[in-house]
Structures are given as C-alpha cells and as structure tokens.
C-alpha atoms as a PDB file:
ATOM      1  CA  MET A   1       0.000   0.000   0.000  1.00  0.00           C
ATOM      2  CA  LYS A   2       2.861   2.327   0.783  1.00  0.00           C
ATOM      3  CA  LYS A   3       4.214   1.636  -2.651  1.00  0.00           C
ATOM      4  CA  ASN A   4       0.931   2.697  -4.229  1.00  0.00           C
ATOM      5  CA  ILE A   5       0.932   5.933  -2.279  1.00  0.00           C
ATOM      6  CA  VAL A   6       4.520   6.691  -3.304  1.00  0.00           C
ATOM      7  CA  SER A   7       3.744   5.984  -6.941  1.00  0.00           C
ATOM      8  CA  ALA A   8       0.747   8.276  -6.849  1.00  0.00           C
ATOM      9  CA  LEU A   9       2.821  11.078  -5.316  1.00  0.00           C
ATOM     10  CA  LEU A  10       5.510  10.700  -7.996  1.00  0.00           C
ATOM     11  CA  ALA A  11       2.880  10.839 -10.724  1.00  0.00           C
ATOM     12  CA  LEU A  12       1.410  14.070  -9.308  1.00  0.00           C
ATOM     13  CA  THR A  13       4.881  15.571  -9.031  1.00  0.00           C
ATOM     14  CA  CYS A  14       5.555  14.890 -12.737  1.00  0.00           C
ATOM     15  CA  VAL A  15       2.237  16.402 -13.719  1.00  0.00           C
ATOM     16  CA  PHE A  16       2.969  19.589 -11.762  1.00  0.00           C
ATOM     17  CA  SER A  17       6.464  19.747 -13.240  1.00  0.00           C
ATOM     18  CA  MET A  18       5.209  19.434 -16.824  1.00  0.00           C
ATOM     19  CA  THR A  19       2.575  22.092 -16.248  1.00  0.00           C
ATOM     20  CA  ALA A  20       5.146  24.486 -14.851  1.00  0.00           C
ATOM     21  CA  CYS A  21       7.476  23.896 -17.788  1.00  0.00           C
ATOM     22  CA  ASN A  22       4.753  24.577 -20.302  1.00  0.00           C
ATOM     23  CA  LYS A  23       3.881  27.851 -18.605  1.00  0.00           C
ATOM     24  CA  THR A  24       7.460  29.126 -18.567  1.00  0.00           C
ATOM     25  CA  LYS A  25       8.414  27.966 -22.113  1.00  0.00           C
ATOM     26  CA  PRO A  26       8.068  30.840 -24.605  1.00  0.00           C
ATOM     27  CA  ASN A  27       5.641  30.456 -27.490  1.00  0.00           C
ATOM     28  CA  SER A  28       7.877  30.166 -30.553  1.00  0.00           C
ATOM     29  CA  SER A  29       5.177  31.365 -32.925  1.00  0.00           C
ATOM     30  CA  SER A  30       4.457  34.454 -30.820  1.00  0.00           C
ATOM     31  CA  SER A  31       8.168  35.218 -30.471  1.00  0.00           C
ATOM     32  CA  GLU A  32       8.735  35.004 -34.219  1.00  0.00           C
ATOM     33  CA  THR A  33       5.804  37.386 -34.874  1.00  0.00           C
ATOM     34  CA  GLU A  34       7.132  39.889 -32.343  1.00  0.00           C
ATOM     35  CA  ALA A  35      10.629  39.659 -33.850  1.00  0.00           C
ATOM     36  CA  LYS A  36       9.289  40.260 -37.350  1.00  0.00           C
ATOM     37  CA  THR A  37       7.226  43.263 -36.199  1.00  0.00           C
ATOM     38  CA  SER A  38      10.262  44.748 -34.426  1.00  0.00           C
ATOM     39  CA  THR A  39      12.442  44.299 -37.511  1.00  0.00           C
ATOM     40  CA  GLN A  40       9.849  45.873 -39.782  1.00  0.00           C
ATOM     41  CA  THR A  41       9.567  48.844 -37.421  1.00  0.00           C
ATOM     42  CA  GLU A  42      13.332  49.373 -37.469  1.00  0.00           C
ATOM     43  CA  VAL A  43      13.496  49.172 -41.268  1.00  0.00           C
ATOM     44  CA  SER A  44      10.583  51.551 -41.586  1.00  0.00           C
ATOM     45  CA  SER A  45      12.253  54.043 -39.228  1.00  0.00           C
ATOM     46  CA  SER A  46      15.615  53.928 -41.015  1.00  0.00           C
ATOM     47  CA  ALA A  47      14.214  54.125 -44.560  1.00  0.00           C
ATOM     48  CA  PRO A  48      14.749  57.562 -46.211  1.00  0.00           C
ATOM     49  CA  THR A  49      11.689  59.734 -46.336  1.00  0.00           C
ATOM     50  CA  GLN A  50      10.545  60.385 -49.889  1.00  0.00           C
ATOM     51  CA  PRO A  51      10.195  64.139 -50.526  1.00  0.00           C
ATOM     52  CA  GLU A  52       6.753  65.366 -51.309  1.00  0.00           C
ATOM     53  CA  ASP A  53       6.096  66.458 -54.837  1.00  0.00           C
ATOM     54  CA  LYS A  54       6.483  70.185 -54.968  1.00  0.00           C
ATOM     55  CA  GLN A  55       5.021  72.448 -57.561  1.00  0.00           C
ATOM     56  CA  ASP A  56       7.686  73.784 -59.898  1.00  0.00           C
ATOM     57  CA  THR A  57       8.228  77.378 -58.875  1.00  0.00           C
ATOM     58  CA  ASN A  58      10.486  78.049 -61.857  1.00  0.00           C
ATOM     59  CA  GLN A  59       7.654  78.321 -64.274  1.00  0.00           C
ATOM     60  CA  ASP A  60       8.197  80.622 -67.208  1.00  0.00           C
ATOM     61  CA  THR A  61       6.616  83.987 -66.744  1.00  0.00           C
ATOM     62  CA  ASN A  62       5.696  85.969 -69.799  1.00  0.00           C
ATOM     63  CA  LYS A  63       7.764  89.101 -69.366  1.00  0.00           C
ATOM     64  CA  THR A  64       7.327  91.886 -71.848  1.00  0.00           C
ATOM     65  CA  VAL A  65      10.673  92.942 -73.257  1.00  0.00           C
ATOM     66  CA  SER A  66      10.630  96.632 -74.026  1.00  0.00           C
ATOM     67  CA  ASN A  67      12.451  97.927 -77.096  1.00  0.00           C
ATOM     68  CA  GLU A  68      12.192 101.543 -75.960  1.00  0.00           C
ATOM     69  CA  LEU A  69      15.263 103.610 -75.170  1.00  0.00           C
ATOM     70  CA  SER A  70      16.125 103.991 -71.513  1.00  0.00           C
ATOM     71  CA  VAL A  71      16.821 107.431 -70.043  1.00  0.00           C
ATOM     72  CA  SER A  72      20.571 106.751 -70.037  1.00  0.00           C
ATOM     73  CA  GLU A  73      20.507 105.621 -73.684  1.00  0.00           C
ATOM     74  CA  ALA A  74      18.583 108.743 -74.696  1.00  0.00           C
ATOM     75  CA  ARG A  75      21.043 110.910 -72.750  1.00  0.00           C
ATOM     76  CA  SER A  76      23.918 109.302 -74.664  1.00  0.00           C
ATOM     77  CA  ILE A  77      22.264 110.313 -77.942  1.00  0.00           C
ATOM     78  CA  VAL A  78      21.986 113.920 -76.728  1.00  0.00           C
ATOM     79  CA  ALA A  79      25.618 113.884 -75.580  1.00  0.00           C
ATOM     80  CA  GLU A  80      26.799 112.959 -79.088  1.00  0.00           C
ATOM     81  CA  THR A  81      26.313 116.552 -80.266  1.00  0.00           C
ATOM     82  CA  ILE A  82      26.393 118.554 -77.004  1.00  0.00           C
ATOM     83  CA  ASP A  83      29.723 119.781 -75.644  1.00  0.00           C
ATOM     84  CA  THR A  84      29.606 118.213 -72.185  1.00  0.00           C
ATOM     85  CA  ASN A  85      32.673 120.209 -71.146  1.00  0.00           C
ATOM     86  CA  THR A  86      30.567 123.347 -71.402  1.00  0.00           C
ATOM     87  CA  TYR A  87      27.003 122.176 -70.812  1.00  0.00           C
ATOM     88  CA  LEU A  88      25.111 119.966 -68.369  1.00  0.00           C
ATOM     89  CA  ILE A  89      22.563 117.415 -69.574  1.00  0.00           C
ATOM     90  CA  LEU A  90      19.914 117.205 -66.858  1.00  0.00           C
ATOM     91  CA  ASP A  91      17.008 114.778 -66.697  1.00  0.00           C
ATOM     92  CA  GLY A  92      13.851 116.767 -67.423  1.00  0.00           C
ATOM     93  CA  LYS A  93      11.745 114.226 -65.465  1.00  0.00           C
ATOM     94  CA  THR A  94       8.852 114.807 -67.826  1.00  0.00           C
ATOM     95  CA  ASN A  95       6.803 111.855 -69.036  1.00  0.00           C
ATOM     96  CA  LEU A  96       6.134 113.357 -72.416  1.00  0.00           C
ATOM     97  CA  GLU A  97       3.669 111.666 -74.760  1.00  0.00           C
ATOM     98  CA  ILE A  98       2.437 113.232 -77.994  1.00  0.00           C
ATOM     99  CA  ASP A  99       0.203 111.383 -80.473  1.00  0.00           C
ATOM    100  CA  SER A 100       0.972 108.060 -78.733  1.00  0.00           C
ATOM    101  CA  ASN A 101       4.749 108.682 -79.079  1.00  0.00           C
ATOM    102  CA  LYS A 102       6.772 108.746 -75.871  1.00  0.00           C
ATOM    103  CA  TYR A 103       9.789 110.974 -75.313  1.00  0.00           C
ATOM    104  CA  HIS A 104      12.560 111.416 -72.778  1.00  0.00           C
ATOM    105  CA  THR A 105      13.232 115.092 -72.056  1.00  0.00           C
ATOM    106  CA  PHE A 106      16.456 116.784 -70.984  1.00  0.00           C
ATOM    107  CA  ILE A 107      17.350 120.280 -69.817  1.00  0.00           C
ATOM    108  CA  ILE A 108      20.599 121.674 -71.223  1.00  0.00           C
ATOM    109  CA  ALA A 109      22.274 124.182 -68.907  1.00  0.00           C
ATOM    110  CA  ASN A 110      25.538 126.117 -68.744  1.00  0.00           C
ATOM    111  CA  LYS A 111      28.069 124.583 -66.387  1.00  0.00           C
ATOM    112  CA  SER A 112      29.293 128.034 -65.474  1.00  0.00           C
ATOM    113  CA  ASP A 113      26.035 129.353 -63.974  1.00  0.00           C
ATOM    114  CA  ASN A 114      23.575 126.414 -64.227  1.00  0.00           C
ATOM    115  CA  LYS A 115      21.345 128.576 -66.404  1.00  0.00           C
ATOM    116  CA  ALA A 116      19.164 126.584 -68.794  1.00  0.00           C
ATOM    117  CA  VAL A 117      19.649 127.236 -72.514  1.00  0.00           C
ATOM    118  CA  GLY A 118      16.900 124.931 -73.770  1.00  0.00           C
ATOM    119  CA  GLN A 119      15.315 121.494 -73.672  1.00  0.00           C
ATOM    120  CA  ILE A 120      15.629 118.428 -75.893  1.00  0.00           C
ATOM    121  CA  ALA A 121      13.110 115.622 -76.366  1.00  0.00           C
ATOM    122  CA  VAL A 122      14.266 112.204 -77.600  1.00  0.00           C
ATOM    123  CA  ASP A 123      11.810 109.803 -79.211  1.00  0.00           C
ATOM    124  CA  CYS A 124      11.844 106.621 -77.099  1.00  0.00           C
ATOM    125  CA  LYS A 125      11.419 104.435 -80.189  1.00  0.00           C
ATOM    126  CA  THR A 126      13.528 106.040 -82.921  1.00  0.00           C
ATOM    127  CA  GLY A 127      16.064 108.072 -80.929  1.00  0.00           C
ATOM    128  CA  GLU A 128      15.267 111.155 -83.024  1.00  0.00           C
ATOM    129  CA  LYS A 129      15.919 114.474 -81.275  1.00  0.00           C
ATOM    130  CA  PHE A 130      13.530 117.420 -81.116  1.00  0.00           C
ATOM    131  CA  ASN A 131      13.544 120.900 -79.681  1.00  0.00           C
ATOM    132  CA  TYR A 132      11.178 120.767 -76.693  1.00  0.00           C
ATOM    133  CA  LYS A 133       9.384 124.051 -76.087  1.00  0.00           C
ATOM    134  CA  GLY A 134       7.465 122.831 -73.044  1.00  0.00           C
ATOM    135  CA  GLU A 135       3.729 122.318 -72.592  1.00  0.00           C
ATOM    136  CA  ASN A 136       3.773 119.156 -74.740  1.00  0.00           C
ATOM    137  CA  THR A 137       5.129 121.012 -77.763  1.00  0.00           C
ATOM    138  CA  ILE A 138       8.044 119.773 -79.854  1.00  0.00           C
ATOM    139  CA  GLU A 139       9.531 121.084 -83.087  1.00  0.00           C
ATOM    140  CA  ASP A 140      12.362 120.313 -85.467  1.00  0.00           C
ATOM    141  CA  TYR A 141      15.706 119.941 -83.734  1.00  0.00           C
ATOM    142  CA  SER A 142      17.220 122.567 -86.028  1.00  0.00           C
ATOM    143  CA  ASN A 143      15.342 125.131 -83.887  1.00  0.00           C
ATOM    144  CA  PHE A 144      17.298 124.163 -80.780  1.00  0.00           C
ATOM    145  CA  LYS A 145      19.526 126.997 -79.602  1.00  0.00           C
ATOM    146  CA  LEU A 146      22.751 124.984 -79.721  1.00  0.00           C
ATOM    147  CA  TYR A 147      21.999 123.299 -83.025  1.00  0.00           C
ATOM    148  CA  ASP A 148      25.082 123.204 -85.263  1.00  0.00           C
ATOM    149  CA  PRO A 149      24.672 121.727 -88.759  1.00  0.00           C
ATOM    150  CA  LYS A 150      28.364 120.835 -88.862  1.00  0.00           C
ATOM    151  CA  VAL A 151      27.785 118.515 -85.924  1.00  0.00           C
ATOM    152  CA  ASP A 152      24.076 117.744 -85.819  1.00  0.00           C
ATOM    153  CA  ILE A 153      23.243 116.891 -89.421  1.00  0.00           C
ATOM    154  CA  GLN A 154      22.975 113.139 -89.824  1.00  0.00           C
ATOM    155  CA  ALA A 155      24.873 112.857 -93.085  1.00  0.00           C
ATOM    156  CA  ASN A 156      24.287 109.808 -95.247  1.00  0.00           C
ATOM    157  CA  TRP A 157      27.522 109.331 -97.174  1.00  0.00           C
ATOM    158  CA  GLU A 158      26.218 106.554 -99.360  1.00  0.00           C
ATOM    159  CA  GLY A 159      24.364 106.400-102.649  1.00  0.00           C
ATOM    160  CA  ILE A 160      24.268 107.865-106.148  1.00  0.00           C
ATOM    161  CA  PHE A 161      23.870 111.612-106.727  1.00  0.00           C
ATOM    162  CA  THR A 162      23.794 113.805-109.820  1.00  0.00           C
ATOM    163  CA  ASP A 163      24.251 117.456-110.711  1.00  0.00           C
ATOM    164  CA  GLY A 164      22.255 117.032-113.901  1.00  0.00           C
ATOM    165  CA  THR A 165      25.193 116.101-116.079  1.00  0.00           C
ATOM    166  CA  ARG A 166      27.585 114.154-113.897  1.00  0.00           C
ATOM    167  CA  THR A 167      27.076 111.207-111.559  1.00  0.00           C
ATOM    168  CA  LEU A 168      28.584 111.003-108.077  1.00  0.00           C
ATOM    169  CA  GLU A 169      28.706 107.624-106.332  1.00  0.00           C
ATOM    170  CA  LEU A 170      29.661 107.260-102.657  1.00  0.00           C
ATOM    171  CA  LEU A 171      30.771 103.898-101.243  1.00  0.00           C
ATOM    172  CA  PRO A 172      31.236 103.832 -97.424  1.00  0.00           C
ATOM    173  CA  MET A 173      34.471 102.233 -96.205  1.00  0.00           C
ATOM    174  CA  ASP A 174      33.669 102.676 -92.491  1.00  0.00           C
ATOM    175  CA  ASP A 175      31.957 105.239 -90.223  1.00  0.00           C
ATOM    176  CA  LYS A 176      34.668 107.827 -90.885  1.00  0.00           C
ATOM    177  CA  SER A 177      35.511 107.492 -94.561  1.00  0.00           C
ATOM    178  CA  PHE A 178      34.105 106.731 -97.978  1.00  0.00           C
ATOM    179  CA  GLU A 179      35.272 106.165-101.549  1.00  0.00           C
ATOM    180  CA  TYR A 180      33.827 108.414-104.225  1.00  0.00           C
ATOM    181  CA  MET A 181      33.638 108.096-107.990  1.00  0.00           C
ATOM    182  CA  ILE A 182      32.506 110.696-110.494  1.00  0.00           C
ATOM    183  CA  ASP A 183      31.308 109.734-113.977  1.00  0.00           C
ATOM    184  CA  ASP A 184      31.849 105.997-113.533  1.00  0.00           C
ATOM    185  CA  GLY A 185      35.297 106.309-112.035  1.00  0.00           C
ATOM    186  CA  GLU A 186      36.850 108.857-114.345  1.00  0.00           C
ATOM    187  CA  ASP A 187      37.588 110.885-111.238  1.00  0.00           C
ATOM    188  CA  GLY A 188      37.529 109.906-107.601  1.00  0.00           C
ATOM    189  CA  GLY A 189      39.354 109.141-104.397  1.00  0.00           C
ATOM    190  CA  ILE A 190      38.892 108.533-100.678  1.00  0.00           C
ATOM    191  CA  ALA A 191      37.487 111.121 -98.270  1.00  0.00           C
ATOM    192  CA  GLN A 192      37.506 111.263 -94.475  1.00  0.00           C
ATOM    193  CA  VAL A 193      34.368 112.377 -92.635  1.00  0.00           C
ATOM    194  CA  ALA A 194      34.119 115.057 -89.930  1.00  0.00           C
ATOM    195  CA  GLY A 195      30.517 115.883 -89.034  1.00  0.00           C
ATOM    196  CA  ASN A 196      28.671 117.056 -92.133  1.00  0.00           C
ATOM    197  CA  THR A 197      31.877 117.557 -94.113  1.00  0.00           C
ATOM    198  CA  ALA A 198      34.411 115.239 -95.682  1.00  0.00           C
ATOM    199  CA  LYS A 199      37.789 115.890 -97.288  1.00  0.00           C
ATOM    200  CA  ASP A 200      39.812 113.958 -99.828  1.00  0.00           C
ATOM    201  CA  ILE A 201      42.865 112.503 -98.075  1.00  0.00           C
ATOM    202  CA  SER A 202      45.235 113.308-100.937  1.00  0.00           C
ATOM    203  CA  ARG A 203      43.998 116.472-102.672  1.00  0.00           C
ATOM    204  CA  ASP A 204      41.899 119.597-102.289  1.00  0.00           C
ATOM    205  CA  VAL A 205      38.347 118.256-102.599  1.00  0.00           C
ATOM    206  CA  THR A 206      35.762 118.974 -99.889  1.00  0.00           C
ATOM    207  CA  PHE A 207      32.255 117.527 -99.579  1.00  0.00           C
ATOM    208  CA  THR A 208      29.577 119.359 -97.567  1.00  0.00           C
ATOM    209  CA  TYR A 209      26.342 117.546 -96.705  1.00  0.00           C
ATOM    210  CA  GLY A 210      23.377 119.952 -96.644  1.00  0.00           C
ATOM    211  CA  GLU A 211      20.229 119.896 -94.536  1.00  0.00           C
ATOM    212  CA  ASP A 212      18.230 119.024 -97.648  1.00  0.00           C
ATOM    213  CA  GLY A 213      20.414 115.954 -98.300  1.00  0.00           C
ATOM    214  CA  SER A 214      22.392 117.531-101.123  1.00  0.00           C
ATOM    215  CA  ILE A 215      26.185 117.339-101.401  1.00  0.00           C
ATOM    216  CA  THR A 216      28.219 120.366-102.380  1.00  0.00           C
ATOM    217  CA  ILE A 217      31.730 119.703-103.682  1.00  0.00           C
ATOM    218  CA  SER A 218      34.331 122.464-103.608  1.00  0.00           C
ATOM    219  CA  GLY A 219      38.070 122.747-104.426  1.00  0.00           C
ATOM    220  CA  GLU A 220      39.535 120.948-107.417  1.00  0.00           C
ATOM    221  CA  ILE A 221      36.040 119.633-108.182  1.00  0.00           C
ATOM    222  CA  THR A 222      32.912 121.748-107.885  1.00  0.00           C
ATOM    223  CA  GLY A 223      29.206 121.125-108.083  1.00  0.00           C
ATOM    224  CA  VAL A 224      26.008 120.484-106.170  1.00  0.00           C
ATOM    225  CA  PHE A 225      24.765 116.907-106.305  1.00  0.00           C
ATOM    226  CA  THR A 226      21.357 115.556-105.222  1.00  0.00           C
ATOM    227  CA  ARG A 227      19.870 112.086-105.087  1.00  0.00           C
END
C-alpha cells in the first residue's frame, strides 16, 4: 500500500512539473511574430523619407521685353552733339507723350552758372531728337539753340547723286571714310568724314552735306549733287 501511495505522489509531481514547464516555455510562434514586427519597425524608421512632390516654382513667366530707349541711352544720344565740357545734360523728369509717341526730355544748362539754354526731347522708339518748347510742344531739332549743322546733321555718305550732267557715287568704307567716284570712275578718291563735311585725303576736294540731303563739292572739283 505504501508503494501505491509513493507511486501516486511521484505521478502528481511529474504532472505539476510538466505544467510548470509549459507555462514558462516561450511560445515560438508568438516570439517570431514579435521579432518580425520589431524588424519591420526598425526598417521603416531607417528608410529615407521620400520628398513630397512640390510644384515647380520656376515656371516661365511671360515678361514683356521693351524695345524703348532707356533714359541713359537717350542721354547718350543727346551727348553725341552737345559739348559736355561746357554744358550739363539734366534729366527733365517729364513723361512726355504726344500722339501716342513717348519721349525722354532733358534740360541743357551752362556749367558756369547752371542757367538753362533749352530742352531736348528724344523719341523713345527712334532716338530722333527734337527741340522741346514745353507744354507738350516739340519742333524740329534745327530750332534748338545749340543746333550746329556741322555737328548735328545726320549725313548719309552713301548712294548715287547727280548734278544734272555728272554722276557722283559714294561707297562707305567705315563710319569715318568713304570712296567716291565721279562719272563711272573717271575721277575719284577717298574722303575722311568730320561731321557734315568730308575731305579727300590726298587732294583739295571737300564735300559738304546739306540739310536738304544735297552734297556740295568744292576745291579741285565743284558742283552740287542731289539724289
């Protein structure tokens, strides 16, 4: 009987031991799931963040490019025929517009006493100069007080001219000289330009460009030639 009691006690002890072992043994399936979740979390945290799509801010903007002369460009045109050692070219600060044409205006004054001698308007599109009388009134530049035909006339030393019997042909070589031929090359040479006049570089022949576009030749050759 004692043996039966001992055997029963041993059997109970084994049962308790197995139960305890099962409780303390980790669930392999649960552990694997937790490990996978942890790994995925780490990978997700370390992965680079993809930048959000941003709207392109460098879109082309339709900017209107103006072909009008700036104030400084217009002033340079005025300075071409104004003695800046003697006179000041001051910004007139007048937004002049006549018949839909815009102009930059300038006051010309003596450097010695700052006294104004007149005003010039420059067409913003063409660069043409005008005498500005004020009160939105412009007139031909030849009426400007400091106008000098020797300097201000825009001579065109190119083309074919005639005096009625002879033909004069001018062929520009550069901005300061031209070749001339009279009567198909029977007479001619090379002349250097200075304002509205030009002189043959080797003999006494002078060309004078007139306000009406005519050319007067004096010296060894004489005559008035027109286009």
